[in-house]
N, C-alpha and C. Protein backbone atom coordinates (compact mmCIF):
# COMPACT_ATOMS: atom_id res chain seq x y z
N MET A 1 43.21 -12.83 75.28
CA MET A 1 43.69 -13.21 73.77
C MET A 1 44.77 -14.42 74.31
N ALA A 2 43.71 -15.75 73.17
CA ALA A 2 44.64 -16.82 73.01
C ALA A 2 46.29 -16.53 72.38
N ARG A 3 47.16 -17.49 73.00
CA ARG A 3 48.04 -17.60 72.47
C ARG A 3 48.23 -18.44 71.30
N PRO A 4 48.79 -18.20 70.28
CA PRO A 4 49.34 -19.31 69.29
C PRO A 4 49.75 -20.34 69.63
N LYS A 5 48.76 -21.10 68.70
CA LYS A 5 50.16 -22.55 68.84
C LYS A 5 51.09 -22.46 68.52
N ILE A 6 52.10 -22.58 68.12
CA ILE A 6 53.21 -22.94 67.78
C ILE A 6 53.65 -24.82 68.09
N ALA A 7 54.07 -26.41 66.33
CA ALA A 7 53.97 -27.02 66.99
C ALA A 7 55.11 -26.96 66.27
N LEU A 8 56.33 -27.53 67.23
CA LEU A 8 57.44 -28.71 67.29
C LEU A 8 57.71 -30.04 66.70
N ILE A 9 57.70 -30.54 65.60
CA ILE A 9 57.85 -32.02 65.00
C ILE A 9 58.70 -31.99 65.28
N GLY A 10 59.26 -32.97 65.82
CA GLY A 10 60.47 -33.23 65.79
C GLY A 10 61.50 -33.42 66.82
N SER A 11 61.47 -33.75 67.71
CA SER A 11 61.50 -33.13 69.44
C SER A 11 63.28 -33.69 69.25
N GLY A 12 64.41 -33.42 69.13
CA GLY A 12 65.59 -34.42 69.20
C GLY A 12 66.01 -32.65 69.62
N GLN A 13 67.33 -32.88 69.62
CA GLN A 13 68.44 -31.56 70.03
C GLN A 13 67.47 -30.30 69.81
N ILE A 14 67.25 -29.98 68.14
CA ILE A 14 66.95 -28.68 67.40
C ILE A 14 65.36 -28.13 68.53
N GLY A 15 64.40 -29.21 67.90
CA GLY A 15 63.59 -29.39 68.41
C GLY A 15 63.43 -28.75 70.09
N GLY A 16 63.97 -29.69 71.11
CA GLY A 16 64.18 -29.34 72.20
C GLY A 16 64.68 -27.72 71.95
N THR A 17 65.82 -27.81 71.84
CA THR A 17 66.21 -26.46 72.29
C THR A 17 65.09 -25.17 71.92
N LEU A 18 64.70 -25.19 70.16
CA LEU A 18 64.13 -24.71 69.94
C LEU A 18 62.13 -24.24 70.72
N ALA A 19 62.16 -25.66 71.02
CA ALA A 19 60.70 -25.76 72.14
C ALA A 19 61.30 -24.34 73.58
N HIS A 20 62.57 -24.41 74.17
CA HIS A 20 63.33 -23.90 74.96
C HIS A 20 62.99 -21.99 74.65
N LEU A 21 63.39 -21.96 73.24
CA LEU A 21 63.46 -20.65 72.37
C LEU A 21 62.40 -20.21 72.53
N VAL A 22 61.57 -21.09 72.42
CA VAL A 22 59.71 -19.83 71.90
C VAL A 22 59.02 -19.60 73.63
N GLY A 23 59.12 -21.10 74.13
CA GLY A 23 59.33 -19.64 75.30
C GLY A 23 59.58 -18.99 76.17
N LEU A 24 60.89 -19.07 75.98
CA LEU A 24 61.75 -18.00 77.16
C LEU A 24 61.45 -15.84 76.01
N LYS A 25 61.07 -16.54 75.04
CA LYS A 25 60.24 -15.32 74.43
C LYS A 25 59.58 -15.78 74.09
N GLU A 26 58.48 -16.54 75.04
CA GLU A 26 57.39 -16.54 75.60
C GLU A 26 55.99 -15.63 73.87
N LEU A 27 56.55 -16.41 72.97
CA LEU A 27 56.19 -16.53 71.30
C LEU A 27 53.89 -17.64 71.17
N GLY A 28 54.11 -17.86 72.23
CA GLY A 28 52.95 -18.89 72.36
C GLY A 28 53.38 -20.25 72.89
N ASP A 29 52.43 -20.67 73.02
CA ASP A 29 51.97 -22.92 74.13
C ASP A 29 52.49 -23.43 72.46
N VAL A 30 53.18 -23.79 73.38
CA VAL A 30 53.49 -25.16 71.76
C VAL A 30 53.32 -27.18 72.51
N VAL A 31 53.05 -27.33 70.93
CA VAL A 31 53.29 -29.11 71.56
C VAL A 31 54.61 -29.41 70.90
N MET A 32 54.69 -30.08 71.25
CA MET A 32 55.74 -31.26 70.85
C MET A 32 55.52 -32.35 70.35
N PHE A 33 56.02 -32.67 69.27
CA PHE A 33 55.43 -34.36 68.25
C PHE A 33 56.91 -34.86 67.92
N ASP A 34 56.73 -35.92 67.95
CA ASP A 34 57.99 -37.29 68.11
C ASP A 34 57.31 -38.47 67.72
N ILE A 35 57.58 -39.51 66.70
CA ILE A 35 57.25 -40.53 66.97
C ILE A 35 57.60 -41.47 67.88
N ALA A 36 58.93 -40.79 68.77
CA ALA A 36 59.80 -41.57 69.94
C ALA A 36 58.89 -41.50 70.60
N GLU A 37 58.71 -42.89 71.55
CA GLU A 37 57.42 -42.78 72.72
C GLU A 37 58.21 -42.23 74.18
N GLY A 38 57.33 -40.93 74.86
CA GLY A 38 57.85 -40.75 75.81
C GLY A 38 58.61 -39.80 75.53
N ILE A 39 59.79 -39.11 74.79
CA ILE A 39 60.17 -38.34 74.39
C ILE A 39 60.30 -36.78 74.41
N PRO A 40 58.53 -36.44 73.52
CA PRO A 40 58.50 -35.24 73.47
C PRO A 40 58.10 -34.79 74.80
N GLN A 41 56.64 -35.81 74.94
CA GLN A 41 56.52 -34.78 77.23
C GLN A 41 57.79 -35.39 77.96
N GLY A 42 58.61 -36.35 77.79
CA GLY A 42 59.84 -36.63 78.65
C GLY A 42 60.04 -34.48 78.68
N LYS A 43 60.75 -33.77 77.53
CA LYS A 43 61.62 -32.59 76.81
C LYS A 43 59.90 -31.37 77.34
N SER A 44 59.03 -31.60 76.87
CA SER A 44 58.36 -30.43 77.20
C SER A 44 57.97 -30.35 78.41
N LEU A 45 58.48 -31.87 79.53
CA LEU A 45 57.56 -31.58 80.82
C LEU A 45 59.34 -30.93 81.43
N ASP A 46 60.32 -30.42 81.18
CA ASP A 46 61.64 -30.65 81.48
C ASP A 46 61.76 -28.97 81.25
N ILE A 47 60.85 -28.69 80.00
CA ILE A 47 60.89 -26.84 79.54
C ILE A 47 60.06 -26.30 80.45
N ALA A 48 59.06 -26.78 80.78
CA ALA A 48 57.52 -26.37 81.81
C ALA A 48 58.26 -26.31 82.56
N GLN A 49 58.30 -27.15 83.54
CA GLN A 49 59.20 -26.84 85.18
C GLN A 49 60.21 -25.44 84.91
N SER A 50 60.78 -24.97 83.73
CA SER A 50 62.31 -24.59 84.27
C SER A 50 61.47 -22.59 84.18
N SER A 51 60.45 -22.83 83.36
CA SER A 51 59.43 -21.93 83.38
C SER A 51 59.62 -20.86 84.12
N PRO A 52 59.71 -20.87 86.14
CA PRO A 52 59.88 -20.58 87.39
C PRO A 52 60.99 -19.97 86.97
N VAL A 53 62.18 -20.23 86.99
CA VAL A 53 63.21 -20.16 87.35
C VAL A 53 63.80 -18.75 85.92
N ASP A 54 63.36 -19.45 84.57
CA ASP A 54 63.20 -18.41 84.08
C ASP A 54 61.79 -17.17 83.56
N SER A 55 61.43 -17.63 84.18
CA SER A 55 60.47 -16.72 84.43
C SER A 55 59.98 -16.70 82.69
N PHE A 56 58.90 -17.47 82.09
CA PHE A 56 57.65 -16.73 81.45
C PHE A 56 57.52 -17.96 81.67
N ASP A 57 55.87 -17.14 81.34
CA ASP A 57 54.46 -18.35 80.77
C ASP A 57 54.18 -19.25 79.82
N GLY A 58 53.95 -20.24 79.51
CA GLY A 58 53.12 -20.97 78.54
C GLY A 58 52.84 -22.16 78.20
N ARG A 59 52.14 -23.00 77.89
CA ARG A 59 51.85 -24.73 77.18
C ARG A 59 52.79 -25.01 77.08
N PHE A 60 53.03 -26.44 77.37
CA PHE A 60 54.19 -27.05 76.90
C PHE A 60 52.99 -28.46 76.83
N SER A 61 53.37 -29.61 75.27
CA SER A 61 52.63 -30.29 76.00
C SER A 61 53.37 -30.98 75.00
N GLY A 62 53.44 -33.24 75.59
CA GLY A 62 54.49 -33.56 74.09
C GLY A 62 53.20 -34.47 73.88
N THR A 63 52.49 -34.73 72.59
CA THR A 63 52.78 -36.36 71.81
C THR A 63 53.50 -37.11 71.07
N ASN A 64 52.94 -37.54 70.83
CA ASN A 64 52.92 -39.16 69.55
C ASN A 64 52.17 -39.45 68.77
N SER A 65 51.23 -38.47 68.55
CA SER A 65 50.25 -38.35 67.74
C SER A 65 49.83 -37.33 66.81
N TYR A 66 49.24 -36.52 65.66
CA TYR A 66 49.21 -35.23 64.81
C TYR A 66 47.97 -34.46 64.55
N ASP A 67 46.95 -35.53 65.50
CA ASP A 67 46.09 -35.19 66.40
C ASP A 67 46.43 -33.95 67.54
N ALA A 68 47.54 -33.83 68.46
CA ALA A 68 47.46 -32.81 69.02
C ALA A 68 47.87 -31.25 68.60
N ILE A 69 48.26 -31.30 67.22
CA ILE A 69 48.48 -30.09 66.60
C ILE A 69 47.57 -29.58 66.10
N GLU A 70 46.27 -30.34 65.70
CA GLU A 70 45.54 -29.49 65.10
C GLU A 70 45.25 -27.74 65.87
N GLY A 71 45.07 -26.94 64.39
CA GLY A 71 45.29 -26.04 64.74
C GLY A 71 45.58 -24.93 65.06
N ALA A 72 47.08 -25.25 64.73
CA ALA A 72 49.02 -24.62 65.17
C ALA A 72 48.54 -23.81 64.39
N ALA A 73 49.66 -21.71 63.96
CA ALA A 73 50.00 -21.50 63.92
C ALA A 73 51.27 -21.54 63.01
N VAL A 74 52.07 -21.89 64.00
CA VAL A 74 53.32 -21.92 63.47
C VAL A 74 54.38 -24.13 63.51
N CYS A 75 54.22 -24.66 62.45
CA CYS A 75 55.00 -25.63 62.06
C CYS A 75 56.15 -25.41 62.23
N ILE A 76 57.14 -25.72 63.26
CA ILE A 76 58.86 -25.82 62.96
C ILE A 76 58.76 -28.22 62.98
N VAL A 77 59.52 -27.47 61.87
CA VAL A 77 59.82 -29.25 60.90
C VAL A 77 61.24 -29.54 61.51
N THR A 78 61.75 -30.10 62.18
CA THR A 78 63.57 -30.58 62.34
C THR A 78 62.79 -32.12 62.46
N ALA A 79 62.25 -32.80 62.57
CA ALA A 79 61.93 -34.30 61.76
C ALA A 79 62.26 -34.81 60.71
N GLY A 80 63.03 -35.67 61.08
CA GLY A 80 64.03 -36.57 60.79
C GLY A 80 65.53 -37.12 60.86
N VAL A 81 65.99 -37.66 59.94
CA VAL A 81 67.22 -38.13 60.44
C VAL A 81 68.25 -37.57 60.46
N PRO A 82 69.37 -37.28 60.75
CA PRO A 82 70.69 -36.41 60.27
C PRO A 82 71.66 -36.97 60.11
N ARG A 83 72.32 -36.01 59.73
CA ARG A 83 73.52 -36.63 58.63
C ARG A 83 74.77 -37.56 60.15
N LYS A 84 75.46 -38.21 59.61
CA LYS A 84 75.57 -40.08 60.67
C LYS A 84 77.70 -38.83 59.50
N PRO A 85 78.04 -39.14 60.11
CA PRO A 85 80.02 -39.51 59.75
C PRO A 85 79.95 -39.85 58.66
N GLY A 86 79.97 -39.26 57.03
CA GLY A 86 80.51 -39.94 56.02
C GLY A 86 79.77 -40.03 55.36
N MET A 87 78.01 -39.75 55.68
CA MET A 87 77.41 -38.87 54.60
C MET A 87 77.26 -37.98 54.28
N SER A 88 76.80 -38.27 53.45
CA SER A 88 76.74 -36.51 51.70
C SER A 88 74.86 -36.21 52.79
N ARG A 89 74.30 -34.70 51.91
CA ARG A 89 73.00 -34.72 52.53
C ARG A 89 72.59 -35.47 51.60
N ASP A 90 72.62 -35.71 50.54
CA ASP A 90 72.26 -36.25 49.46
C ASP A 90 72.06 -37.63 49.73
N ASP A 91 73.01 -38.07 50.08
CA ASP A 91 72.16 -39.70 51.07
C ASP A 91 70.93 -39.46 51.76
N LEU A 92 70.48 -38.30 52.75
CA LEU A 92 69.49 -38.31 53.44
C LEU A 92 68.67 -38.46 53.21
N ILE A 93 67.96 -38.01 51.67
CA ILE A 93 67.09 -37.68 50.60
C ILE A 93 65.95 -38.86 50.88
N GLY A 94 66.36 -39.64 50.37
CA GLY A 94 65.81 -41.27 50.40
C GLY A 94 64.66 -41.31 51.86
N ILE A 95 65.56 -41.08 52.83
CA ILE A 95 65.17 -41.45 54.41
C ILE A 95 64.14 -40.29 54.32
N ASN A 96 64.95 -39.32 54.58
CA ASN A 96 63.61 -38.24 55.27
C ASN A 96 62.49 -37.46 53.96
N LEU A 97 62.72 -38.37 52.50
CA LEU A 97 61.98 -37.52 51.69
C LEU A 97 60.42 -38.19 52.55
N LYS A 98 60.74 -40.12 53.04
CA LYS A 98 59.22 -40.87 53.80
C LYS A 98 58.62 -40.08 55.24
N VAL A 99 59.66 -39.33 55.35
CA VAL A 99 59.51 -38.90 56.59
C VAL A 99 58.55 -37.21 56.39
N MET A 100 58.94 -37.34 55.45
CA MET A 100 58.04 -36.04 54.87
C MET A 100 56.96 -35.63 54.04
N GLU A 101 56.31 -37.00 53.56
CA GLU A 101 55.68 -37.36 53.53
C GLU A 101 54.50 -37.49 55.10
N GLN A 102 55.53 -38.49 55.82
CA GLN A 102 54.27 -38.28 56.87
C GLN A 102 54.27 -36.76 57.65
N VAL A 103 55.18 -36.35 57.56
CA VAL A 103 54.98 -34.69 58.11
C VAL A 103 53.32 -34.25 57.56
N GLY A 104 53.86 -34.21 56.04
CA GLY A 104 53.48 -32.71 55.29
C GLY A 104 51.77 -33.50 55.27
N ALA A 105 51.52 -35.20 54.99
CA ALA A 105 50.44 -35.74 55.68
C ALA A 105 49.53 -35.30 56.93
N GLY A 106 50.38 -34.98 58.06
CA GLY A 106 49.63 -34.55 59.54
C GLY A 106 49.63 -32.80 59.43
N ILE A 107 50.44 -32.78 58.29
CA ILE A 107 50.26 -30.95 59.18
C ILE A 107 49.23 -30.48 57.88
N LYS A 108 48.76 -31.32 56.87
CA LYS A 108 47.67 -30.67 55.62
C LYS A 108 46.25 -31.72 56.45
N LYS A 109 46.38 -32.87 57.31
CA LYS A 109 45.27 -33.02 58.40
C LYS A 109 44.82 -32.11 59.27
N TYR A 110 45.43 -31.03 60.32
CA TYR A 110 45.90 -31.19 61.28
C TYR A 110 46.26 -29.69 61.73
N ALA A 111 46.54 -29.17 60.18
CA ALA A 111 46.95 -27.54 60.70
C ALA A 111 46.81 -27.32 59.39
N PRO A 112 46.16 -27.19 58.52
CA PRO A 112 46.05 -27.01 57.28
C PRO A 112 46.26 -25.49 56.78
N ASP A 113 46.38 -24.10 57.67
CA ASP A 113 46.00 -22.73 57.24
C ASP A 113 47.27 -23.10 58.57
N ALA A 114 48.48 -22.98 59.05
CA ALA A 114 49.51 -22.93 59.53
C ALA A 114 51.14 -22.47 58.52
N PHE A 115 51.71 -21.70 59.40
CA PHE A 115 53.02 -21.08 58.01
C PHE A 115 53.63 -21.89 58.97
N VAL A 116 54.44 -22.79 57.38
CA VAL A 116 55.53 -24.19 58.35
C VAL A 116 56.90 -22.98 57.98
N ILE A 117 57.67 -24.12 58.71
CA ILE A 117 59.54 -23.21 59.13
C ILE A 117 60.20 -25.19 58.92
N CYS A 118 61.66 -25.05 58.21
CA CYS A 118 60.90 -26.89 57.66
C CYS A 118 62.88 -25.83 58.23
N ILE A 119 63.13 -26.87 58.86
CA ILE A 119 64.75 -27.26 59.26
C ILE A 119 65.62 -28.51 58.73
N THR A 120 64.45 -30.26 58.45
CA THR A 120 64.95 -31.07 57.81
C THR A 120 66.47 -31.26 57.03
N ASN A 121 67.44 -31.60 57.10
CA ASN A 121 68.60 -31.40 55.60
C ASN A 121 68.19 -32.95 54.90
N PRO A 122 68.15 -32.83 53.59
CA PRO A 122 69.05 -31.26 52.67
C PRO A 122 68.09 -30.91 52.79
N LEU A 123 67.86 -29.36 52.72
CA LEU A 123 67.32 -28.86 53.78
C LEU A 123 66.45 -28.32 51.75
N ASP A 124 66.83 -27.77 50.94
CA ASP A 124 66.63 -27.36 49.64
C ASP A 124 65.11 -29.16 49.19
N ALA A 125 66.35 -29.93 49.13
CA ALA A 125 64.36 -31.13 48.46
C ALA A 125 63.42 -30.81 49.34
N MET A 126 64.09 -30.71 51.10
CA MET A 126 62.88 -31.26 51.96
C MET A 126 61.72 -29.97 51.79
N VAL A 127 61.86 -28.94 51.83
CA VAL A 127 61.16 -28.07 51.57
C VAL A 127 60.16 -27.95 50.62
N TRP A 128 60.93 -28.69 49.25
CA TRP A 128 60.08 -29.32 47.88
C TRP A 128 59.35 -30.37 48.58
N ALA A 129 59.44 -30.88 48.69
CA ALA A 129 58.71 -31.96 49.19
C ALA A 129 57.85 -32.01 51.02
N LEU A 130 58.16 -30.98 51.08
CA LEU A 130 56.90 -30.86 52.52
C LEU A 130 56.27 -29.96 51.83
N GLN A 131 56.09 -29.66 51.14
CA GLN A 131 54.90 -28.22 50.19
C GLN A 131 53.90 -28.89 49.77
N LYS A 132 55.04 -29.78 48.77
CA LYS A 132 53.68 -30.82 47.90
C LYS A 132 52.79 -31.40 48.93
N PHE A 133 53.60 -32.82 49.65
CA PHE A 133 52.56 -33.50 50.92
C PHE A 133 52.05 -32.58 51.21
N SER A 134 51.84 -31.11 52.15
CA SER A 134 51.18 -30.72 52.93
C SER A 134 50.42 -29.76 51.81
N GLY A 135 50.59 -29.43 50.70
CA GLY A 135 49.23 -28.80 49.64
C GLY A 135 48.97 -27.82 49.88
N LEU A 136 49.40 -26.64 50.88
CA LEU A 136 49.79 -25.50 51.23
C LEU A 136 50.43 -24.40 50.09
N PRO A 137 50.22 -23.71 50.42
CA PRO A 137 50.39 -22.48 49.31
C PRO A 137 52.35 -22.46 49.62
N LYS A 138 52.83 -22.11 48.06
CA LYS A 138 54.65 -21.31 48.46
C LYS A 138 55.17 -21.18 49.86
N THR A 139 53.41 -20.15 49.53
CA THR A 139 54.70 -18.84 50.15
C THR A 139 54.41 -19.31 52.46
N HIS A 140 53.44 -20.26 52.77
CA HIS A 140 53.50 -20.80 53.66
C HIS A 140 54.26 -22.20 54.63
N VAL A 141 55.48 -22.50 53.17
CA VAL A 141 56.33 -23.61 53.94
C VAL A 141 57.57 -23.33 52.97
N VAL A 142 58.52 -22.69 54.71
CA VAL A 142 59.99 -22.12 54.18
C VAL A 142 60.83 -22.84 54.36
N ALA A 143 62.26 -22.74 54.71
CA ALA A 143 63.17 -22.56 55.03
C ALA A 143 64.06 -22.90 56.62
N TRP A 144 64.33 -22.31 56.82
CA TRP A 144 65.81 -21.55 58.07
C TRP A 144 66.42 -22.11 57.27
N ARG A 145 67.55 -21.56 56.80
CA ARG A 145 69.02 -21.10 56.67
C ARG A 145 70.02 -20.86 58.26
N ALA A 146 70.46 -21.69 58.46
CA ALA A 146 71.40 -22.25 58.93
C ALA A 146 72.90 -21.63 58.72
N CYS A 147 72.91 -21.52 57.38
CA CYS A 147 74.46 -20.88 56.96
C CYS A 147 74.62 -19.20 57.30
N SER A 148 73.50 -18.62 57.55
CA SER A 148 73.50 -17.61 57.62
C SER A 148 73.59 -17.55 59.50
N THR A 149 73.17 -17.63 59.76
CA THR A 149 73.18 -17.78 61.50
C THR A 149 74.75 -17.89 61.91
N ARG A 150 75.36 -18.67 60.60
CA ARG A 150 76.25 -18.45 60.92
C ARG A 150 77.63 -18.26 61.01
N HIS A 151 76.89 -17.73 59.59
CA HIS A 151 77.94 -16.17 59.00
C HIS A 151 77.26 -15.00 60.38
N ALA A 152 76.39 -15.05 60.76
CA ALA A 152 75.89 -13.81 61.20
C ALA A 152 77.54 -14.07 63.40
N PHE A 153 77.68 -15.27 63.41
CA PHE A 153 78.08 -15.57 63.88
C PHE A 153 80.02 -15.52 63.75
N VAL A 154 80.32 -15.74 62.84
CA VAL A 154 81.09 -15.45 62.51
C VAL A 154 81.87 -13.98 62.10
N ILE A 155 80.85 -13.17 61.80
CA ILE A 155 81.28 -11.83 61.49
C ILE A 155 81.24 -10.66 63.38
N SER A 156 80.08 -11.15 64.53
CA SER A 156 79.75 -10.82 65.08
C SER A 156 80.93 -11.06 66.37
N SER A 157 82.04 -12.57 65.91
CA SER A 157 82.46 -12.62 66.80
C SER A 157 84.41 -11.58 67.00
N PRO A 158 84.43 -11.62 68.14
CA PRO A 158 85.56 -10.44 68.25
C PRO A 158 87.39 -11.07 67.14
N THR A 159 87.35 -12.94 67.66
CA THR A 159 87.93 -13.18 66.72
C THR A 159 87.91 -13.98 65.61
N ASN A 160 86.61 -13.18 64.63
CA ASN A 160 86.56 -14.08 63.61
C ASN A 160 88.11 -14.13 62.46
N SER A 161 87.45 -14.56 61.60
CA SER A 161 88.79 -14.78 60.38
C SER A 161 88.29 -14.12 59.18
N MET A 162 87.47 -13.34 59.79
CA MET A 162 87.20 -11.90 58.33
C MET A 162 87.66 -11.03 59.00
N SER A 163 88.27 -10.83 60.11
CA SER A 163 88.53 -9.40 61.16
C SER A 163 89.68 -8.79 59.50
N ARG A 164 90.04 -8.79 58.79
CA ARG A 164 90.97 -8.83 58.18
C ARG A 164 90.31 -7.26 56.80
N TRP A 165 88.70 -7.27 57.07
CA TRP A 165 88.04 -7.01 56.10
C TRP A 165 87.42 -5.95 56.99
N LYS A 166 88.09 -5.93 57.90
CA LYS A 166 86.83 -5.00 59.39
C LYS A 166 84.93 -5.17 59.31
N THR A 167 85.00 -6.12 58.99
CA THR A 167 83.34 -6.51 58.20
C THR A 167 82.81 -7.45 60.33
N SER A 168 83.61 -6.32 61.37
CA SER A 168 82.93 -7.22 62.61
C SER A 168 82.73 -6.02 63.63
N PRO A 169 81.23 -5.05 63.55
CA PRO A 169 81.22 -3.91 64.41
C PRO A 169 80.77 -4.17 66.00
N PRO A 170 81.24 -3.94 66.61
CA PRO A 170 81.21 -4.52 68.31
C PRO A 170 79.97 -4.82 68.53
N SER A 171 79.34 -3.52 68.66
CA SER A 171 77.76 -4.23 69.60
C SER A 171 77.02 -5.43 68.27
N CYS A 172 77.30 -5.26 66.92
CA CYS A 172 76.93 -6.39 65.65
C CYS A 172 76.23 -7.97 66.10
N SER A 173 75.17 -7.84 66.88
CA SER A 173 74.41 -9.48 66.98
C SER A 173 74.78 -10.20 66.24
N ALA A 174 74.76 -11.63 67.22
CA ALA A 174 74.94 -13.11 66.13
C ALA A 174 73.65 -13.48 66.13
N ALA A 175 72.24 -12.57 66.36
CA ALA A 175 71.29 -13.71 66.20
C ALA A 175 71.45 -13.45 64.38
N MET A 176 71.24 -12.14 63.60
CA MET A 176 71.37 -11.30 62.93
C MET A 176 72.27 -10.38 62.15
N ALA A 177 73.72 -10.61 62.34
CA ALA A 177 74.15 -9.21 61.69
C ALA A 177 73.69 -8.36 60.38
N THR A 178 73.02 -8.51 60.14
CA THR A 178 72.88 -7.45 58.95
C THR A 178 71.54 -8.20 58.10
N PRO A 179 71.29 -6.92 57.83
CA PRO A 179 69.94 -7.22 57.14
C PRO A 179 70.11 -8.36 56.08
N TRP A 180 70.93 -8.29 55.29
CA TRP A 180 70.88 -9.61 54.14
C TRP A 180 70.70 -10.72 54.92
N CYS A 181 71.66 -11.18 56.06
CA CYS A 181 70.95 -12.33 57.10
C CYS A 181 71.01 -12.41 57.15
N ARG A 182 69.86 -11.15 57.60
CA ARG A 182 68.24 -11.65 58.28
C ARG A 182 67.10 -12.29 56.63
N TRP A 183 67.68 -11.94 54.92
CA TRP A 183 67.39 -11.89 54.08
C TRP A 183 67.12 -13.55 53.55
N PHE A 184 68.78 -14.13 53.61
CA PHE A 184 69.42 -15.67 53.84
C PHE A 184 68.59 -16.31 55.04
N ALA A 185 67.50 -15.57 56.12
CA ALA A 185 67.73 -17.27 57.65
C ALA A 185 65.95 -17.66 56.56
N ILE A 186 65.22 -17.03 56.84
CA ILE A 186 63.68 -17.46 55.83
C ILE A 186 63.85 -16.64 54.80
N ARG A 187 64.03 -17.66 54.05
CA ARG A 187 63.36 -17.75 52.28
C ARG A 187 62.52 -18.55 51.91
N PRO A 188 61.46 -18.12 50.69
CA PRO A 188 60.47 -18.62 50.93
C PRO A 188 60.42 -19.36 49.39
N TRP A 189 59.93 -20.61 49.49
CA TRP A 189 60.80 -21.33 47.90
C TRP A 189 60.30 -21.04 46.98
N PRO A 190 61.43 -20.71 45.84
CA PRO A 190 62.21 -21.94 45.93
C PRO A 190 63.20 -20.50 46.94
N ALA A 191 63.68 -21.86 47.52
CA ALA A 191 65.26 -21.12 48.34
C ALA A 191 66.77 -21.05 47.68
N PHE A 192 67.36 -20.26 47.78
CA PHE A 192 68.74 -19.96 47.82
C PHE A 192 69.75 -20.91 48.21
N ARG A 193 70.15 -20.88 47.81
CA ARG A 193 71.89 -22.13 48.43
C ARG A 193 72.19 -20.76 48.73
N CYS A 194 72.53 -20.73 49.94
CA CYS A 194 73.70 -20.08 50.80
C CYS A 194 74.97 -19.78 49.94
N LEU A 195 75.89 -18.90 49.61
CA LEU A 195 77.13 -19.06 49.55
C LEU A 195 78.13 -19.13 50.57
N ILE A 196 77.55 -18.96 51.36
CA ILE A 196 78.67 -18.91 52.88
C ILE A 196 78.28 -20.37 53.41
N SER A 197 79.77 -21.40 53.32
CA SER A 197 79.56 -21.87 54.37
C SER A 197 80.36 -21.84 55.76
């Protein structure tokens, strides 16, 4: 049986980390896309070369062309400009909307049946824009909520500031501490703002 193709659109720090996690968990074959020449090719080669040491099997490739994501079952979008010191998330809207327009067009043309997870900030606006630009159904474009994973980390830490509330069980998993954290982690549009920062 063929493994699913997972496209990482954006090969920066987050994209590279997620590609490595996909490999470690053997979720599928990975294609890394970025507009920066050489970055996705180099990162995918580095991850592929780590597979014998980390004992995982998978194909990794890097590209600067959207046609390589053709047929992807999942597209994880990390593309965009990160927030710089002094910038608000709202300052990113103008820049990252243009990025989502290009990404949406690429997904629409080459991976119209994909399930899309967006991580680009400002998240609520980018998920909405990506869904509109890609033309995918609302149920196929979701947001990844970092605030819920941060909260899960905080409450699972033995030295957390919430310890006075006795909310940190010793066997709590930092990945997703409680069912409601999982509910907030990936939320179909319309995405709700996480109240925990």
